[in-house]
Amino acid sequence: MAKKARKAAAKRGKAPKAKKSKAKVAKKSKKKTGKTKRKAKPTIRERISSGYHTVIDTVAGTQILRKKMEKPGTDESE
């Protein structure tokens, strides 16, 4: 059967693909078992900056909600 397949492939202008042995496939899968890199710990500056932005965003969000809940015609500058 292999000769017929080679002849048919030669007529089409394509070379037949060689079969991979199971040992080669197993070796390739074993190579991928490396350690994954851990994510770098954020620096103190990044942590403080993140906390600061969280507080600013929370205050801004609170003010928006306060204005929505406020009755029309009332003002905090009394």
N, C-alpha and C. Protein backbone atom coordinates (compact mmCIF):
# COMPACT_ATOMS: atom_id res chain seq x y z
N MET A 1 0.80 -1.18 0.00
CA MET A 1 0.00 0.00 0.00
C MET A 1 0.86 1.26 0.00
N ALA A 2 2.00 1.20 0.66
CA ALA A 2 2.84 2.39 0.79
C ALA A 2 3.36 2.82 -0.58
N LYS A 3 3.68 1.87 -1.45
CA LYS A 3 4.19 2.22 -2.78
C LYS A 3 3.13 2.95 -3.58
N LYS A 4 1.90 2.48 -3.49
CA LYS A 4 0.81 3.12 -4.22
C LYS A 4 0.60 4.55 -3.72
N ALA A 5 0.70 4.74 -2.41
CA ALA A 5 0.50 6.07 -1.84
C ALA A 5 1.61 7.01 -2.30
N ARG A 6 2.86 6.51 -2.36
CA ARG A 6 3.98 7.34 -2.81
C ARG A 6 3.82 7.71 -4.28
N LYS A 7 3.38 6.75 -5.08
CA LYS A 7 3.20 7.02 -6.50
C LYS A 7 2.10 8.05 -6.71
N ALA A 8 1.02 7.91 -5.98
CA ALA A 8 -0.10 8.85 -6.11
C ALA A 8 0.34 10.25 -5.66
N ALA A 9 1.13 10.31 -4.61
CA ALA A 9 1.60 11.61 -4.13
C ALA A 9 2.57 12.23 -5.13
N ALA A 10 3.38 11.41 -5.76
CA ALA A 10 4.33 11.92 -6.75
C ALA A 10 3.58 12.49 -7.95
N LYS A 11 2.47 11.87 -8.34
CA LYS A 11 1.67 12.36 -9.46
C LYS A 11 1.05 13.72 -9.12
N ARG A 12 0.66 13.88 -7.84
CA ARG A 12 0.07 15.15 -7.43
C ARG A 12 1.13 16.21 -7.15
N GLY A 13 2.37 15.80 -7.06
CA GLY A 13 3.46 16.75 -6.80
C GLY A 13 3.70 16.99 -5.33
N LYS A 14 3.22 16.10 -4.49
CA LYS A 14 3.41 16.26 -3.04
C LYS A 14 4.15 15.04 -2.50
N ALA A 15 5.01 15.28 -1.56
CA ALA A 15 5.71 14.18 -0.91
C ALA A 15 4.85 13.69 0.26
N PRO A 16 4.80 12.39 0.49
CA PRO A 16 4.01 11.88 1.61
C PRO A 16 4.65 12.27 2.94
N LYS A 17 3.83 12.48 3.94
CA LYS A 17 4.34 12.84 5.26
C LYS A 17 4.83 11.58 5.98
N ALA A 18 5.95 11.72 6.65
CA ALA A 18 6.48 10.60 7.42
C ALA A 18 5.75 10.54 8.76
N LYS A 19 5.50 9.33 9.21
CA LYS A 19 4.83 9.15 10.48
C LYS A 19 5.82 9.37 11.61
N LYS A 20 5.38 10.01 12.68
CA LYS A 20 6.24 10.23 13.84
C LYS A 20 6.09 9.05 14.78
N SER A 21 7.20 8.65 15.34
CA SER A 21 7.14 7.54 16.28
C SER A 21 6.58 8.03 17.61
N LYS A 22 6.03 7.12 18.38
CA LYS A 22 5.45 7.47 19.66
C LYS A 22 6.51 7.99 20.62
N ALA A 23 7.73 7.51 20.51
CA ALA A 23 8.82 7.94 21.40
C ALA A 23 9.13 9.42 21.18
N LYS A 24 9.16 9.86 19.92
CA LYS A 24 9.45 11.26 19.63
C LYS A 24 8.34 12.16 20.15
N VAL A 25 7.11 11.72 20.00
CA VAL A 25 5.99 12.51 20.48
C VAL A 25 6.03 12.61 22.00
N ALA A 26 6.38 11.54 22.69
CA ALA A 26 6.47 11.55 24.14
C ALA A 26 7.58 12.47 24.62
N LYS A 27 8.72 12.50 23.91
CA LYS A 27 9.83 13.37 24.30
C LYS A 27 9.44 14.83 24.18
N LYS A 28 8.72 15.19 23.13
CA LYS A 28 8.31 16.57 22.94
C LYS A 28 7.37 17.02 24.05
N SER A 29 6.48 16.14 24.48
CA SER A 29 5.54 16.53 25.52
C SER A 29 6.24 16.68 26.87
N LYS A 30 7.31 15.94 27.10
CA LYS A 30 8.04 16.04 28.35
C LYS A 30 8.85 17.33 28.43
N LYS A 31 9.26 17.86 27.32
CA LYS A 31 10.06 19.08 27.31
C LYS A 31 9.27 20.28 27.81
N LYS A 32 7.97 20.26 27.70
CA LYS A 32 7.14 21.39 28.06
C LYS A 32 6.86 21.48 29.56
N THR A 33 7.38 20.60 30.36
CA THR A 33 7.08 20.58 31.79
C THR A 33 8.08 21.41 32.58
N GLY A 34 8.32 22.64 32.16
CA GLY A 34 9.22 23.54 32.88
C GLY A 34 8.45 24.33 33.92
N LYS A 35 9.20 24.98 34.79
CA LYS A 35 8.55 25.79 35.82
C LYS A 35 8.03 27.08 35.20
N THR A 36 6.88 27.51 35.66
CA THR A 36 6.33 28.76 35.18
C THR A 36 6.87 29.90 36.03
N LYS A 37 7.04 31.06 35.42
CA LYS A 37 7.55 32.21 36.15
C LYS A 37 6.45 32.78 37.03
N ARG A 38 6.85 33.17 38.24
CA ARG A 38 5.89 33.80 39.13
C ARG A 38 5.81 35.28 38.81
N LYS A 39 4.65 35.85 39.06
CA LYS A 39 4.45 37.26 38.81
C LYS A 39 5.23 38.05 39.86
N ALA A 40 5.88 39.12 39.43
CA ALA A 40 6.68 39.93 40.34
C ALA A 40 5.79 40.60 41.37
N LYS A 41 6.30 40.67 42.60
CA LYS A 41 5.57 41.31 43.68
C LYS A 41 5.58 42.82 43.46
N PRO A 42 4.42 43.48 43.62
CA PRO A 42 4.40 44.93 43.38
C PRO A 42 5.27 45.67 44.39
N THR A 43 5.90 46.73 43.93
CA THR A 43 6.75 47.51 44.81
C THR A 43 5.89 48.33 45.77
N ILE A 44 6.53 48.90 46.79
CA ILE A 44 5.79 49.69 47.77
C ILE A 44 5.16 50.91 47.11
N ARG A 45 5.86 51.48 46.14
CA ARG A 45 5.32 52.66 45.44
C ARG A 45 4.05 52.28 44.67
N GLU A 46 4.06 51.13 44.00
CA GLU A 46 2.89 50.68 43.24
C GLU A 46 1.71 50.40 44.17
N ARG A 47 1.99 49.83 45.33
CA ARG A 47 0.93 49.52 46.28
C ARG A 47 0.29 50.78 46.84
N ILE A 48 1.13 51.77 47.20
CA ILE A 48 0.60 53.02 47.73
C ILE A 48 -0.18 53.76 46.66
N SER A 49 0.35 53.79 45.44
CA SER A 49 -0.32 54.46 44.33
C SER A 49 -1.68 53.82 44.05
N SER A 50 -1.72 52.51 44.07
CA SER A 50 -2.97 51.80 43.83
C SER A 50 -4.00 52.12 44.92
N GLY A 51 -3.55 52.15 46.18
CA GLY A 51 -4.45 52.48 47.28
C GLY A 51 -4.98 53.90 47.18
N TYR A 52 -4.10 54.81 46.80
CA TYR A 52 -4.48 56.22 46.65
C TYR A 52 -5.55 56.37 45.57
N HIS A 53 -5.33 55.74 44.43
CA HIS A 53 -6.30 55.83 43.34
C HIS A 53 -7.63 55.19 43.73
N THR A 54 -7.59 54.13 44.51
CA THR A 54 -8.82 53.49 44.96
C THR A 54 -9.63 54.44 45.83
N VAL A 55 -8.94 55.14 46.74
CA VAL A 55 -9.63 56.08 47.63
C VAL A 55 -10.23 57.24 46.82
N ILE A 56 -9.46 57.78 45.89
CA ILE A 56 -9.94 58.90 45.08
C ILE A 56 -11.16 58.48 44.27
N ASP A 57 -11.11 57.29 43.67
CA ASP A 57 -12.24 56.80 42.88
C ASP A 57 -13.47 56.58 43.75
N THR A 58 -13.26 56.09 44.96
CA THR A 58 -14.38 55.84 45.87
C THR A 58 -15.03 57.14 46.28
N VAL A 59 -14.22 58.16 46.60
CA VAL A 59 -14.77 59.46 47.00
C VAL A 59 -15.55 60.08 45.84
N ALA A 60 -14.99 60.00 44.64
CA ALA A 60 -15.69 60.55 43.48
C ALA A 60 -17.01 59.83 43.24
N GLY A 61 -17.00 58.52 43.39
CA GLY A 61 -18.23 57.74 43.22
C GLY A 61 -19.26 58.07 44.27
N THR A 62 -18.79 58.32 45.51
CA THR A 62 -19.70 58.67 46.59
C THR A 62 -20.36 60.02 46.33
N GLN A 63 -19.60 60.98 45.83
CA GLN A 63 -20.17 62.29 45.53
C GLN A 63 -21.22 62.21 44.43
N ILE A 64 -20.96 61.40 43.43
CA ILE A 64 -21.94 61.23 42.35
C ILE A 64 -23.24 60.65 42.90
N LEU A 65 -23.13 59.64 43.76
CA LEU A 65 -24.33 59.03 44.35
C LEU A 65 -25.05 60.02 45.25
N ARG A 66 -24.30 60.82 46.00
CA ARG A 66 -24.91 61.80 46.90
C ARG A 66 -25.73 62.82 46.10
N LYS A 67 -25.19 63.25 44.97
CA LYS A 67 -25.91 64.22 44.13
C LYS A 67 -27.17 63.61 43.54
N LYS A 68 -27.14 62.33 43.22
CA LYS A 68 -28.32 61.66 42.68
C LYS A 68 -29.43 61.56 43.72
N MET A 69 -29.02 61.30 44.97
CA MET A 69 -29.99 61.10 46.03
C MET A 69 -30.53 62.42 46.59
N GLU A 70 -29.82 63.50 46.38
CA GLU A 70 -30.21 64.81 46.92
C GLU A 70 -31.51 65.28 46.28
N LYS A 71 -32.36 65.86 47.11
CA LYS A 71 -33.63 66.37 46.60
C LYS A 71 -33.36 67.62 45.78
N PRO A 72 -34.11 67.85 44.71
CA PRO A 72 -33.91 69.05 43.92
C PRO A 72 -34.23 70.31 44.73
N GLY A 73 -33.40 71.32 44.56
CA GLY A 73 -33.62 72.58 45.26
C GLY A 73 -32.85 72.69 46.55
N THR A 74 -32.26 71.64 47.04
CA THR A 74 -31.47 71.71 48.26
C THR A 74 -30.02 71.82 47.88
N ASP A 75 -29.26 72.50 48.73
CA ASP A 75 -27.84 72.71 48.43
C ASP A 75 -27.05 72.53 49.73
N GLU A 76 -25.86 72.02 49.64
CA GLU A 76 -25.05 71.78 50.83
C GLU A 76 -24.36 73.05 51.32
N SER A 77 -24.43 74.13 50.59
CA SER A 77 -23.73 75.36 50.97
C SER A 77 -24.57 76.28 51.83
N GLU A 78 -25.42 75.77 52.68
CA GLU A 78 -26.30 76.59 53.53
C GLU A 78 -25.54 77.19 54.67
